[in-house]
Structures are given as C-alpha cells and as structure tokens.
C-alpha cells in the first residue's frame, strides 16, 4: 500500500481509465481503489471485474470504495469504508477472511475507536487541504500524523494534497504509504508520475 491510487474518471481528463491505471501500475502503483459515486450497480460490478483482471498479472490488489456488495460480486481484494458508510462490524461479518478492509479516519476519536478493530490499514483524511476534500474535517497536518502514529497500531495511509514535494515528509513523520488521485490521474504521464512518487516514498523510508 506504499503508493495507493484512487481512481477518478473526471481526473483522467478524458483519457481511458483503464489505460491510466495500467500506466500508473507500470510506474510503481502498489494498490488501486475503484471509486465510483455515480455508476449503477451492474456497471460498477462490470468495471470492477474488468479492472481486477487488468491488475491481476501485476499482483496489485483491487479495493472497492464504499460498496461491499460490489466488492463481493467482483471478488475484489478488499473494501474501503468511510465514517458514513456501513459500520465496521457489519463489514467484518460480510467480508470473507483474508480480504483487505481499510477505514478512513478524520478525527482522533475515529483513530482511537479503530484500535479495537481488525483493519488492514487506516487512511488519514485529509493530510493537507485539497479541493477534492472540502466536505471533510480539518486537515491532519504533520503534527496530527505524528499523533496518530503514536496512538495507532494500524498501518497508516495518508490522502489529501500529496505530491512529489511533500510525500517524503509524510513518510518520515509516520505514514506507511500515500493515496493520490489527481497527482497520477491528471498527470501528463501517469507512469512517470507514479515512478517519481514511488521514488520519493522510498527516500522518505530511508530517513525514518
């Protein structure tokens, strides 16, 4: 989960989503979340099945955002839930053992509550202010990230405003990985963008 791509068709700027994802994976993306807020269920499942088939040869897991039913129907590798989605206990009961479960955390209360749960990762949202996260809580910032690292047993992913200029400091301050949308989806070359981000992550890891 070092370099976690969250898909957004609008951010792909008219280019084919599957092409963007495959280029990003070739550049170093290690996990992909399919995020669809407007697709009907059947179309969402079809897209998930196709994306899983694309990712499988690269051994990159596919995570479904919000929709446990779509994750089950497509046999995705896991599901990501937010604070307003299905409760963790219900998701845990529905999802087969061995599948990935990720959870967004926007407050310290969310982090502490999650300590009792069997999560694959905790996603701090947003780390920095970003136009795509306007409806969320105050940004965590580096001080918030340090607090979470000291108070959480879970692997940590950060999302929100990450780019090649600030990724290393996020890793140095406790993040195990970063999640991005536009930094890759909107890049002129998704493959190059992913490669540069991965290199920056590895630089941060060496300084921890």
N, C-alpha and C. Protein backbone atom coordinates (compact mmCIF):
# COMPACT_ATOMS: atom_id res chain seq x y z
N UNK A 1 0.82 -1.21 0.00
CA UNK A 1 0.00 0.00 0.00
C UNK A 1 0.86 1.27 0.00
N UNK A 2 2.14 1.13 -0.34
CA UNK A 2 3.02 2.31 -0.36
C UNK A 2 2.49 3.40 -1.28
N UNK A 3 2.11 3.03 -2.50
CA UNK A 3 1.60 4.01 -3.45
C UNK A 3 0.22 3.55 -3.91
N UNK A 4 -0.79 4.18 -3.37
CA UNK A 4 -2.19 3.75 -3.45
C UNK A 4 -2.93 4.72 -4.37
N UNK A 5 -3.37 4.23 -5.52
CA UNK A 5 -4.10 5.06 -6.48
C UNK A 5 -5.60 4.93 -6.26
N UNK A 6 -6.26 6.07 -6.10
CA UNK A 6 -7.72 6.12 -6.01
C UNK A 6 -8.23 6.67 -7.33
N UNK A 7 -9.08 5.91 -8.01
CA UNK A 7 -9.49 6.31 -9.36
C UNK A 7 -10.55 7.42 -9.32
N UNK A 8 -10.51 8.22 -10.36
CA UNK A 8 -11.50 9.27 -10.56
C UNK A 8 -11.53 9.55 -12.06
N UNK A 9 -12.63 9.16 -12.71
CA UNK A 9 -12.70 9.28 -14.16
C UNK A 9 -12.57 10.73 -14.61
N UNK A 10 -13.16 11.66 -13.88
CA UNK A 10 -13.06 13.08 -14.24
C UNK A 10 -11.61 13.55 -14.21
N UNK A 11 -10.87 13.09 -13.21
CA UNK A 11 -9.47 13.49 -13.07
C UNK A 11 -8.60 12.93 -14.19
N UNK A 12 -9.09 11.93 -14.90
CA UNK A 12 -8.32 11.35 -16.02
C UNK A 12 -8.35 12.24 -17.26
N UNK A 13 -9.13 13.31 -17.21
CA UNK A 13 -9.13 14.33 -18.26
C UNK A 13 -9.48 13.78 -19.64
N UNK A 14 -10.49 12.92 -19.67
CA UNK A 14 -10.96 12.38 -20.93
C UNK A 14 -10.24 11.15 -21.43
N UNK A 15 -9.19 10.75 -20.74
CA UNK A 15 -8.43 9.56 -21.15
C UNK A 15 -9.07 8.31 -20.56
N UNK A 16 -8.81 7.18 -21.18
CA UNK A 16 -9.38 5.91 -20.74
C UNK A 16 -8.89 5.56 -19.34
N UNK A 17 -9.83 5.30 -18.44
CA UNK A 17 -9.49 4.99 -17.05
C UNK A 17 -8.58 3.78 -16.94
N UNK A 18 -8.85 2.75 -17.72
CA UNK A 18 -8.06 1.52 -17.64
C UNK A 18 -6.62 1.75 -18.13
N UNK A 19 -6.48 2.58 -19.14
CA UNK A 19 -5.14 2.93 -19.62
C UNK A 19 -4.38 3.68 -18.54
N UNK A 20 -5.03 4.66 -17.91
CA UNK A 20 -4.39 5.44 -16.85
C UNK A 20 -3.95 4.54 -15.71
N UNK A 21 -4.82 3.63 -15.29
CA UNK A 21 -4.48 2.72 -14.18
C UNK A 21 -3.31 1.82 -14.55
N UNK A 22 -3.33 1.26 -15.74
CA UNK A 22 -2.25 0.34 -16.12
C UNK A 22 -0.92 1.09 -16.23
N UNK A 23 -0.93 2.28 -16.80
CA UNK A 23 0.29 3.08 -16.87
C UNK A 23 0.81 3.38 -15.46
N UNK A 24 -0.10 3.71 -14.56
CA UNK A 24 0.29 4.02 -13.18
C UNK A 24 0.91 2.80 -12.49
N UNK A 25 0.33 1.65 -12.72
CA UNK A 25 0.86 0.41 -12.13
C UNK A 25 2.25 0.11 -12.71
N UNK A 26 2.43 0.33 -13.99
CA UNK A 26 3.75 0.13 -14.60
C UNK A 26 4.77 1.08 -14.00
N UNK A 27 4.30 2.23 -13.53
CA UNK A 27 5.20 3.20 -12.93
C UNK A 27 5.50 2.95 -11.46
N UNK A 28 4.71 2.10 -10.80
CA UNK A 28 5.02 1.76 -9.42
C UNK A 28 3.87 1.75 -8.44
N UNK A 29 2.63 2.00 -8.90
CA UNK A 29 1.48 1.93 -8.00
C UNK A 29 1.33 0.52 -7.45
N UNK A 30 1.07 0.41 -6.13
CA UNK A 30 1.05 -0.90 -5.47
C UNK A 30 -0.34 -1.35 -5.03
N UNK A 31 -1.34 -0.45 -5.10
CA UNK A 31 -2.71 -0.79 -4.75
C UNK A 31 -3.64 0.19 -5.47
N UNK A 32 -4.81 -0.31 -5.90
CA UNK A 32 -5.75 0.54 -6.63
C UNK A 32 -7.12 0.45 -5.98
N UNK A 33 -7.72 1.62 -5.74
CA UNK A 33 -9.09 1.67 -5.24
C UNK A 33 -10.00 2.19 -6.35
N UNK A 34 -11.03 1.40 -6.65
CA UNK A 34 -12.03 1.82 -7.64
C UNK A 34 -13.10 2.61 -6.91
N UNK A 35 -13.19 3.89 -7.24
CA UNK A 35 -14.11 4.80 -6.56
C UNK A 35 -15.12 5.31 -7.59
N UNK A 36 -16.36 4.93 -7.43
CA UNK A 36 -17.42 5.32 -8.37
C UNK A 36 -18.63 5.80 -7.58
N UNK A 37 -18.93 7.08 -7.67
CA UNK A 37 -20.04 7.64 -6.90
C UNK A 37 -21.34 7.67 -7.70
N UNK A 38 -21.26 7.52 -9.03
CA UNK A 38 -22.46 7.72 -9.85
C UNK A 38 -22.87 6.49 -10.66
N UNK A 39 -22.00 5.51 -10.80
CA UNK A 39 -22.33 4.33 -11.61
C UNK A 39 -23.43 3.49 -10.96
N UNK A 40 -24.32 2.95 -11.78
CA UNK A 40 -25.30 1.99 -11.29
C UNK A 40 -24.58 0.70 -10.91
N UNK A 41 -25.23 -0.11 -10.09
CA UNK A 41 -24.56 -1.27 -9.51
C UNK A 41 -24.00 -2.23 -10.56
N UNK A 42 -24.78 -2.56 -11.57
CA UNK A 42 -24.31 -3.52 -12.57
C UNK A 42 -23.07 -3.00 -13.30
N UNK A 43 -23.10 -1.72 -13.67
CA UNK A 43 -21.96 -1.12 -14.37
C UNK A 43 -20.73 -1.07 -13.45
N UNK A 44 -20.96 -0.81 -12.18
CA UNK A 44 -19.88 -0.77 -11.19
C UNK A 44 -19.24 -2.15 -11.08
N UNK A 45 -20.05 -3.19 -10.98
CA UNK A 45 -19.53 -4.56 -10.88
C UNK A 45 -18.75 -4.92 -12.14
N UNK A 46 -19.29 -4.60 -13.30
CA UNK A 46 -18.61 -4.90 -14.57
C UNK A 46 -17.25 -4.22 -14.63
N UNK A 47 -17.21 -2.96 -14.20
CA UNK A 47 -15.94 -2.22 -14.23
C UNK A 47 -14.95 -2.83 -13.23
N UNK A 48 -15.44 -3.24 -12.08
CA UNK A 48 -14.57 -3.85 -11.07
C UNK A 48 -13.98 -5.17 -11.57
N UNK A 49 -14.79 -5.99 -12.21
CA UNK A 49 -14.31 -7.27 -12.74
C UNK A 49 -13.24 -7.04 -13.80
N UNK A 50 -13.48 -6.07 -14.67
CA UNK A 50 -12.50 -5.77 -15.73
C UNK A 50 -11.20 -5.23 -15.14
N UNK A 51 -11.33 -4.37 -14.13
CA UNK A 51 -10.13 -3.80 -13.53
C UNK A 51 -9.34 -4.85 -12.75
N UNK A 52 -10.03 -5.75 -12.09
CA UNK A 52 -9.33 -6.82 -11.37
C UNK A 52 -8.54 -7.69 -12.34
N UNK A 53 -9.14 -7.99 -13.49
CA UNK A 53 -8.44 -8.79 -14.50
C UNK A 53 -7.20 -8.06 -15.02
N UNK A 54 -7.29 -6.75 -15.14
CA UNK A 54 -6.14 -5.96 -15.60
C UNK A 54 -5.02 -5.97 -14.56
N UNK A 55 -5.39 -5.87 -13.27
CA UNK A 55 -4.39 -5.76 -12.20
C UNK A 55 -3.75 -7.08 -11.81
N UNK A 56 -4.47 -8.17 -12.03
CA UNK A 56 -4.01 -9.47 -11.54
C UNK A 56 -2.61 -9.86 -12.02
N UNK A 57 -2.29 -9.68 -13.31
CA UNK A 57 -0.93 -10.05 -13.75
C UNK A 57 0.17 -9.24 -13.07
N UNK A 58 -0.16 -8.06 -12.58
CA UNK A 58 0.82 -7.22 -11.89
C UNK A 58 0.85 -7.50 -10.39
N UNK A 59 -0.04 -8.37 -9.92
CA UNK A 59 -0.13 -8.70 -8.49
C UNK A 59 -0.44 -7.46 -7.65
N UNK A 60 -1.30 -6.58 -8.19
CA UNK A 60 -1.71 -5.36 -7.49
C UNK A 60 -3.15 -5.54 -7.01
N UNK A 61 -3.41 -5.38 -5.71
CA UNK A 61 -4.76 -5.60 -5.18
C UNK A 61 -5.75 -4.53 -5.64
N UNK A 62 -7.00 -4.95 -5.82
CA UNK A 62 -8.09 -4.04 -6.15
C UNK A 62 -8.98 -3.87 -4.93
N UNK A 63 -9.19 -2.61 -4.52
CA UNK A 63 -10.05 -2.26 -3.40
C UNK A 63 -11.27 -1.52 -3.95
N UNK A 64 -12.43 -1.82 -3.42
CA UNK A 64 -13.67 -1.14 -3.83
C UNK A 64 -14.03 -0.11 -2.77
N UNK A 65 -14.31 1.10 -3.21
CA UNK A 65 -14.70 2.16 -2.27
C UNK A 65 -16.17 2.04 -1.89
N UNK A 66 -16.44 2.03 -0.61
CA UNK A 66 -17.80 2.08 -0.03
C UNK A 66 -18.65 0.81 -0.20
N UNK A 67 -18.68 0.25 -1.39
CA UNK A 67 -19.69 -0.74 -1.76
C UNK A 67 -19.24 -2.18 -1.49
N UNK A 68 -19.67 -2.70 -0.36
CA UNK A 68 -19.34 -4.09 -0.01
C UNK A 68 -19.98 -5.06 -1.00
N UNK A 69 -21.19 -4.75 -1.47
CA UNK A 69 -21.86 -5.64 -2.41
C UNK A 69 -21.07 -5.76 -3.71
N UNK A 70 -20.52 -4.65 -4.18
CA UNK A 70 -19.72 -4.67 -5.41
C UNK A 70 -18.41 -5.42 -5.18
N UNK A 71 -17.80 -5.23 -4.03
CA UNK A 71 -16.56 -5.94 -3.70
C UNK A 71 -16.79 -7.45 -3.69
N UNK A 72 -17.91 -7.88 -3.11
CA UNK A 72 -18.22 -9.31 -3.06
C UNK A 72 -18.55 -9.85 -4.45
N UNK A 73 -19.35 -9.10 -5.22
CA UNK A 73 -19.78 -9.57 -6.54
C UNK A 73 -18.62 -9.68 -7.52
N UNK A 74 -17.62 -8.82 -7.36
CA UNK A 74 -16.48 -8.83 -8.28
C UNK A 74 -15.30 -9.61 -7.73
N UNK A 75 -15.43 -10.15 -6.53
CA UNK A 75 -14.34 -10.84 -5.84
C UNK A 75 -13.09 -9.97 -5.78
N UNK A 76 -13.30 -8.68 -5.47
CA UNK A 76 -12.18 -7.76 -5.30
C UNK A 76 -11.36 -8.18 -4.09
N UNK A 77 -10.17 -7.60 -3.98
CA UNK A 77 -9.27 -7.99 -2.89
C UNK A 77 -9.64 -7.36 -1.56
N UNK A 78 -10.52 -6.34 -1.61
CA UNK A 78 -10.91 -5.72 -0.36
C UNK A 78 -11.87 -4.57 -0.57
N UNK A 79 -12.18 -3.89 0.54
CA UNK A 79 -13.13 -2.79 0.51
C UNK A 79 -12.61 -1.67 1.41
N UNK A 80 -12.90 -0.43 1.00
CA UNK A 80 -12.54 0.72 1.82
C UNK A 80 -13.83 1.41 2.26
N UNK A 81 -13.94 1.68 3.55
CA UNK A 81 -15.15 2.32 4.07
C UNK A 81 -14.81 3.64 4.75
N UNK A 82 -15.74 4.58 4.62
CA UNK A 82 -15.63 5.86 5.29
C UNK A 82 -16.47 5.86 6.55
N UNK A 83 -16.45 6.96 7.26
CA UNK A 83 -17.16 7.05 8.52
C UNK A 83 -18.68 7.04 8.36
N UNK A 84 -19.18 7.41 7.18
CA UNK A 84 -20.63 7.43 6.97
C UNK A 84 -21.12 6.20 6.21
N UNK A 85 -20.22 5.25 5.96
CA UNK A 85 -20.59 4.03 5.23
C UNK A 85 -21.06 2.94 6.21
N UNK A 86 -21.17 1.73 5.70
CA UNK A 86 -21.59 0.59 6.52
C UNK A 86 -20.68 0.44 7.75
N UNK A 87 -21.24 0.19 8.93
CA UNK A 87 -20.42 0.04 10.14
C UNK A 87 -19.39 -1.07 10.00
N UNK A 88 -18.24 -0.87 10.67
CA UNK A 88 -17.16 -1.85 10.59
C UNK A 88 -17.63 -3.25 10.94
N UNK A 89 -18.38 -3.39 12.02
CA UNK A 89 -18.79 -4.73 12.48
C UNK A 89 -19.59 -5.47 11.41
N UNK A 90 -20.44 -4.73 10.68
CA UNK A 90 -21.23 -5.35 9.61
C UNK A 90 -20.33 -5.75 8.45
N UNK A 91 -19.39 -4.88 8.10
CA UNK A 91 -18.45 -5.19 7.01
C UNK A 91 -17.64 -6.43 7.36
N UNK A 92 -17.14 -6.49 8.59
CA UNK A 92 -16.33 -7.64 9.01
C UNK A 92 -17.12 -8.94 8.92
N UNK A 93 -18.42 -8.88 9.23
CA UNK A 93 -19.26 -10.08 9.16
C UNK A 93 -19.52 -10.52 7.72
N UNK A 94 -19.52 -9.57 6.79
CA UNK A 94 -19.85 -9.88 5.40
C UNK A 94 -18.63 -10.27 4.56
N UNK A 95 -17.50 -9.68 4.86
CA UNK A 95 -16.31 -9.86 4.03
C UNK A 95 -15.57 -11.13 4.44
N UNK A 96 -15.22 -11.99 3.47
CA UNK A 96 -14.52 -13.24 3.80
C UNK A 96 -13.16 -12.99 4.44
N UNK A 97 -12.70 -13.92 5.27
CA UNK A 97 -11.37 -13.80 5.88
C UNK A 97 -10.30 -13.65 4.80
N UNK A 98 -9.29 -12.86 5.10
CA UNK A 98 -8.20 -12.68 4.16
C UNK A 98 -8.36 -11.48 3.24
N UNK A 99 -9.57 -10.92 3.19
CA UNK A 99 -9.79 -9.74 2.36
C UNK A 99 -9.32 -8.48 3.11
N UNK A 100 -8.95 -7.48 2.36
CA UNK A 100 -8.48 -6.22 2.91
C UNK A 100 -9.65 -5.36 3.35
N UNK A 101 -9.55 -4.76 4.53
CA UNK A 101 -10.53 -3.77 4.98
C UNK A 101 -9.78 -2.52 5.40
N UNK A 102 -10.06 -1.41 4.71
CA UNK A 102 -9.46 -0.13 5.06
C UNK A 102 -10.52 0.83 5.55
N UNK A 103 -10.14 1.73 6.43
CA UNK A 103 -11.09 2.67 7.02
C UNK A 103 -10.53 4.08 7.03
N UNK A 104 -11.36 5.05 6.64
CA UNK A 104 -10.96 6.45 6.73
C UNK A 104 -11.08 6.94 8.17
N UNK A 105 -10.15 7.78 8.59
CA UNK A 105 -10.19 8.38 9.92
C UNK A 105 -9.99 9.89 9.77
N UNK A 106 -10.94 10.65 10.26
CA UNK A 106 -10.89 12.10 10.11
C UNK A 106 -10.67 12.82 11.44
N UNK A 107 -10.81 12.09 12.54
CA UNK A 107 -10.64 12.70 13.86
C UNK A 107 -9.86 11.76 14.78
N UNK A 108 -9.40 12.29 15.89
CA UNK A 108 -8.70 11.46 16.87
C UNK A 108 -9.63 10.40 17.44
N UNK A 109 -10.92 10.75 17.58
CA UNK A 109 -11.90 9.78 18.08
C UNK A 109 -12.00 8.58 17.15
N UNK A 110 -11.99 8.84 15.85
CA UNK A 110 -12.03 7.73 14.87
C UNK A 110 -10.82 6.81 15.04
N UNK A 111 -9.66 7.41 15.23
CA UNK A 111 -8.42 6.64 15.38
C UNK A 111 -8.49 5.74 16.61
N UNK A 112 -8.91 6.30 17.72
CA UNK A 112 -8.96 5.54 18.97
C UNK A 112 -10.01 4.44 18.91
N UNK A 113 -11.14 4.73 18.31
CA UNK A 113 -12.20 3.72 18.16
C UNK A 113 -11.71 2.53 17.33
N UNK A 114 -10.91 2.82 16.31
CA UNK A 114 -10.44 1.77 15.40
C UNK A 114 -9.42 0.84 16.02
N UNK A 115 -8.89 1.19 17.19
CA UNK A 115 -7.88 0.35 17.84
C UNK A 115 -8.41 -1.05 18.16
N UNK A 116 -9.71 -1.17 18.36
CA UNK A 116 -10.31 -2.46 18.69
C UNK A 116 -10.66 -3.29 17.45
N UNK A 117 -10.43 -2.74 16.27
CA UNK A 117 -10.87 -3.39 15.04
C UNK A 117 -9.72 -4.01 14.26
N UNK A 118 -10.04 -5.06 13.54
CA UNK A 118 -9.06 -5.80 12.74
C UNK A 118 -9.02 -5.19 11.34
N UNK A 119 -8.26 -4.11 11.19
CA UNK A 119 -8.18 -3.40 9.92
C UNK A 119 -6.86 -3.71 9.21
N UNK A 120 -6.89 -3.64 7.89
CA UNK A 120 -5.66 -3.80 7.11
C UNK A 120 -4.87 -2.51 7.10
N UNK A 121 -5.58 -1.38 7.13
CA UNK A 121 -4.92 -0.07 7.19
C UNK A 121 -5.93 0.98 7.63
N UNK A 122 -5.39 2.10 8.10
CA UNK A 122 -6.19 3.27 8.47
C UNK A 122 -5.76 4.39 7.52
N UNK A 123 -6.74 5.06 6.92
CA UNK A 123 -6.43 6.15 5.98
C UNK A 123 -6.76 7.49 6.62
N UNK A 124 -5.75 8.30 6.88
CA UNK A 124 -5.96 9.61 7.47
C UNK A 124 -6.38 10.58 6.38
N UNK A 125 -7.52 11.22 6.58
CA UNK A 125 -8.11 12.04 5.53
C UNK A 125 -8.69 13.33 6.09
N UNK A 126 -8.29 14.48 5.50
CA UNK A 126 -7.17 14.67 4.58
C UNK A 126 -5.90 15.04 5.37
N UNK A 127 -4.73 14.73 4.81
CA UNK A 127 -3.49 15.14 5.46
C UNK A 127 -3.30 16.64 5.27
N UNK A 128 -3.48 17.09 4.03
CA UNK A 128 -3.38 18.51 3.71
C UNK A 128 -4.69 18.97 3.07
N UNK A 129 -4.93 20.26 3.08
CA UNK A 129 -6.13 20.81 2.43
C UNK A 129 -6.06 20.55 0.93
N UNK A 130 -7.20 20.20 0.35
CA UNK A 130 -7.26 19.89 -1.08
C UNK A 130 -8.67 20.14 -1.59
N UNK A 131 -8.81 20.57 -2.83
CA UNK A 131 -10.14 20.84 -3.39
C UNK A 131 -11.07 19.64 -3.40
N UNK A 132 -10.52 18.42 -3.47
CA UNK A 132 -11.35 17.22 -3.52
C UNK A 132 -11.81 16.76 -2.14
N UNK A 133 -11.36 17.44 -1.08
CA UNK A 133 -11.72 17.04 0.29
C UNK A 133 -12.39 18.18 1.05
N UNK A 134 -13.20 18.98 0.38
CA UNK A 134 -13.80 20.15 1.01
C UNK A 134 -14.88 19.80 2.02
N UNK A 135 -15.45 18.61 1.94
CA UNK A 135 -16.54 18.23 2.85
C UNK A 135 -16.03 17.43 4.04
N UNK A 136 -14.73 17.42 4.26
CA UNK A 136 -14.16 16.62 5.33
C UNK A 136 -13.69 17.50 6.49
N UNK A 137 -13.19 16.84 7.52
CA UNK A 137 -12.74 17.53 8.72
C UNK A 137 -11.48 18.35 8.42
N UNK A 138 -11.00 19.03 9.44
CA UNK A 138 -9.77 19.81 9.31
C UNK A 138 -8.61 18.90 8.93
N UNK A 139 -7.68 19.37 8.10
CA UNK A 139 -6.53 18.55 7.73
C UNK A 139 -5.73 18.11 8.97
N UNK A 140 -5.18 16.91 8.88
CA UNK A 140 -4.38 16.38 9.99
C UNK A 140 -3.08 17.15 10.15
N UNK A 141 -2.42 17.41 9.03
CA UNK A 141 -1.10 18.03 9.09
C UNK A 141 -0.07 17.06 9.67
N UNK A 142 1.18 17.47 9.67
CA UNK A 142 2.24 16.58 10.14
C UNK A 142 2.15 16.32 11.64
N UNK A 143 1.73 17.31 12.41
CA UNK A 143 1.59 17.11 13.86
C UNK A 143 0.50 16.08 14.15
N UNK A 144 -0.60 16.15 13.40
CA UNK A 144 -1.67 15.18 13.56
C UNK A 144 -1.22 13.78 13.17
N UNK A 145 -0.46 13.70 12.09
CA UNK A 145 0.06 12.41 11.64
C UNK A 145 0.96 11.80 12.71
N UNK A 146 1.81 12.61 13.31
CA UNK A 146 2.69 12.11 14.37
C UNK A 146 1.88 11.59 15.56
N UNK A 147 0.80 12.30 15.89
CA UNK A 147 -0.05 11.85 16.99
C UNK A 147 -0.68 10.50 16.67
N UNK A 148 -1.17 10.34 15.46
CA UNK A 148 -1.80 9.07 15.07
C UNK A 148 -0.77 7.94 15.10
N UNK A 149 0.43 8.22 14.59
CA UNK A 149 1.47 7.18 14.59
C UNK A 149 1.76 6.71 16.01
N UNK A 150 1.70 7.62 16.96
CA UNK A 150 1.99 7.28 18.36
C UNK A 150 0.81 6.59 19.04
N UNK A 151 -0.38 6.70 18.46
CA UNK A 151 -1.58 6.20 19.13
C UNK A 151 -2.34 5.12 18.35
N UNK A 152 -1.79 4.68 17.24
CA UNK A 152 -2.46 3.66 16.44
C UNK A 152 -1.53 2.49 16.15
N UNK A 153 -2.10 1.29 16.20
CA UNK A 153 -1.32 0.09 15.89
C UNK A 153 -1.42 -0.28 14.42
N UNK A 154 -2.27 0.43 13.66
CA UNK A 154 -2.54 0.06 12.27
C UNK A 154 -1.55 0.68 11.29
N UNK A 155 -1.31 0.02 10.16
CA UNK A 155 -0.57 0.67 9.08
C UNK A 155 -1.33 1.93 8.65
N UNK A 156 -0.61 2.99 8.33
CA UNK A 156 -1.24 4.28 8.03
C UNK A 156 -1.01 4.71 6.59
N UNK A 157 -2.11 5.07 5.93
CA UNK A 157 -2.06 5.69 4.61
C UNK A 157 -2.57 7.11 4.78
N UNK A 158 -1.94 8.05 4.08
CA UNK A 158 -2.42 9.44 4.12
C UNK A 158 -2.92 9.84 2.74
N UNK A 159 -4.00 10.62 2.73
CA UNK A 159 -4.56 11.09 1.47
C UNK A 159 -4.93 12.57 1.63
N UNK A 160 -4.83 13.30 0.53
CA UNK A 160 -5.21 14.71 0.56
C UNK A 160 -4.02 15.62 0.34
N UNK A 161 -3.89 16.13 -0.88
CA UNK A 161 -2.84 17.12 -1.16
C UNK A 161 -1.44 16.57 -1.30
N UNK A 162 -1.29 15.25 -1.46
CA UNK A 162 0.05 14.66 -1.57
C UNK A 162 0.60 14.82 -2.99
N UNK A 163 1.90 15.14 -3.06
CA UNK A 163 2.60 15.25 -4.33
C UNK A 163 4.08 14.98 -4.11
N UNK A 164 4.90 15.13 -5.16
CA UNK A 164 6.32 14.81 -5.03
C UNK A 164 7.05 15.75 -4.07
N UNK A 165 6.47 16.91 -3.80
CA UNK A 165 7.13 17.88 -2.94
C UNK A 165 6.93 17.62 -1.45
N UNK A 166 5.84 16.92 -1.09
CA UNK A 166 5.56 16.73 0.34
C UNK A 166 5.41 15.26 0.76
N UNK A 167 5.57 14.35 -0.19
CA UNK A 167 5.40 12.93 0.14
C UNK A 167 6.48 12.43 1.10
N UNK A 168 7.73 12.80 0.87
CA UNK A 168 8.82 12.29 1.71
C UNK A 168 8.60 12.68 3.17
N UNK A 169 8.15 13.93 3.42
CA UNK A 169 7.94 14.36 4.81
C UNK A 169 6.79 13.61 5.46
N UNK A 170 5.79 13.22 4.68
CA UNK A 170 4.69 12.43 5.23
C UNK A 170 5.20 11.05 5.66
N UNK A 171 6.04 10.45 4.84
CA UNK A 171 6.60 9.13 5.18
C UNK A 171 7.51 9.25 6.39
N UNK A 172 8.35 10.27 6.42
CA UNK A 172 9.28 10.48 7.54
C UNK A 172 8.54 10.67 8.85
N UNK A 173 7.33 11.23 8.79
CA UNK A 173 6.57 11.52 10.01
C UNK A 173 5.57 10.44 10.39
N UNK A 174 5.66 9.26 9.75
CA UNK A 174 4.89 8.13 10.24
C UNK A 174 3.97 7.43 9.27
N UNK A 175 3.75 7.99 8.07
CA UNK A 175 2.88 7.32 7.10
C UNK A 175 3.60 6.11 6.50
N UNK A 176 2.86 5.04 6.29
CA UNK A 176 3.41 3.85 5.63
C UNK A 176 3.19 3.90 4.13
N UNK A 177 2.28 4.77 3.71
CA UNK A 177 2.01 4.91 2.28
C UNK A 177 1.19 6.15 2.03
N UNK A 178 1.08 6.52 0.76
CA UNK A 178 0.25 7.67 0.39
C UNK A 178 -0.81 7.22 -0.61
N UNK A 179 -1.95 7.89 -0.57
CA UNK A 179 -3.01 7.66 -1.56
C UNK A 179 -3.21 8.95 -2.34
N UNK A 180 -3.28 8.82 -3.66
CA UNK A 180 -3.41 10.01 -4.51
C UNK A 180 -4.48 9.78 -5.57
N UNK A 181 -5.03 10.89 -6.05
CA UNK A 181 -5.98 10.85 -7.17
C UNK A 181 -5.37 11.64 -8.32
N UNK A 182 -5.49 12.96 -8.25
CA UNK A 182 -5.08 13.81 -9.37
C UNK A 182 -3.58 13.79 -9.63
N UNK A 183 -2.77 13.57 -8.60
CA UNK A 183 -1.31 13.56 -8.80
C UNK A 183 -0.88 12.52 -9.82
N UNK A 184 -1.70 11.49 -10.01
CA UNK A 184 -1.43 10.49 -11.03
C UNK A 184 -2.46 10.55 -12.15
N UNK A 185 -3.75 10.56 -11.80
CA UNK A 185 -4.80 10.51 -12.83
C UNK A 185 -4.74 11.69 -13.79
N UNK A 186 -4.35 12.87 -13.29
CA UNK A 186 -4.33 14.07 -14.13
C UNK A 186 -2.95 14.37 -14.70
N UNK A 187 -1.96 13.57 -14.35
CA UNK A 187 -0.61 13.82 -14.83
C UNK A 187 -0.51 13.56 -16.34
N UNK A 188 0.36 14.31 -16.99
CA UNK A 188 0.57 14.10 -18.43
C UNK A 188 0.98 12.66 -18.70
N UNK A 189 1.86 12.14 -17.86
CA UNK A 189 2.26 10.73 -17.94
C UNK A 189 2.00 10.07 -16.59
N UNK A 190 0.90 9.31 -16.45
CA UNK A 190 0.63 8.63 -15.18
C UNK A 190 1.78 7.71 -14.77
N UNK A 191 2.44 7.10 -15.75
CA UNK A 191 3.53 6.19 -15.43
C UNK A 191 4.70 6.96 -14.79
N UNK A 192 5.08 8.07 -15.40
CA UNK A 192 6.18 8.87 -14.86
C UNK A 192 5.82 9.45 -13.50
N UNK A 193 4.59 9.92 -13.35
CA UNK A 193 4.14 10.48 -12.08
C UNK A 193 4.22 9.43 -10.97
N UNK A 194 3.77 8.22 -11.27
CA UNK A 194 3.84 7.13 -10.28
C UNK A 194 5.29 6.79 -9.94
N UNK A 195 6.13 6.75 -10.95
CA UNK A 195 7.55 6.43 -10.73
C UNK A 195 8.20 7.45 -9.81
N UNK A 196 7.93 8.73 -10.05
CA UNK A 196 8.53 9.79 -9.23
C UNK A 196 8.01 9.75 -7.80
N UNK A 197 6.71 9.49 -7.63
CA UNK A 197 6.14 9.39 -6.29
C UNK A 197 6.73 8.20 -5.54
N UNK A 198 6.85 7.07 -6.21
CA UNK A 198 7.42 5.87 -5.58
C UNK A 198 8.86 6.14 -5.13
N UNK A 199 9.61 6.81 -5.96
CA UNK A 199 10.99 7.14 -5.62
C UNK A 199 11.04 8.05 -4.39
N UNK A 200 10.11 9.01 -4.31
CA UNK A 200 10.04 9.92 -3.18
C UNK A 200 9.65 9.18 -1.90
N UNK A 201 8.74 8.23 -2.01
CA UNK A 201 8.35 7.39 -0.86
C UNK A 201 9.57 6.64 -0.32
N UNK A 202 10.33 6.06 -1.23
CA UNK A 202 11.50 5.28 -0.82
C UNK A 202 12.56 6.17 -0.15
N UNK A 203 12.67 7.42 -0.63
CA UNK A 203 13.59 8.38 0.01
C UNK A 203 13.15 8.65 1.44
N UNK A 204 11.82 8.86 1.63
CA UNK A 204 11.30 9.09 2.96
C UNK A 204 11.52 7.91 3.89
N UNK A 205 11.37 6.70 3.36
CA UNK A 205 11.55 5.48 4.16
C UNK A 205 12.98 5.38 4.68
N UNK A 206 13.92 5.78 3.86
CA UNK A 206 15.34 5.69 4.26
C UNK A 206 15.67 6.65 5.40
N UNK A 207 14.89 7.72 5.54
CA UNK A 207 15.17 8.74 6.56
C UNK A 207 14.42 8.49 7.87
N UNK A 208 13.57 7.46 7.91
CA UNK A 208 12.80 7.19 9.13
C UNK A 208 13.67 6.58 10.22
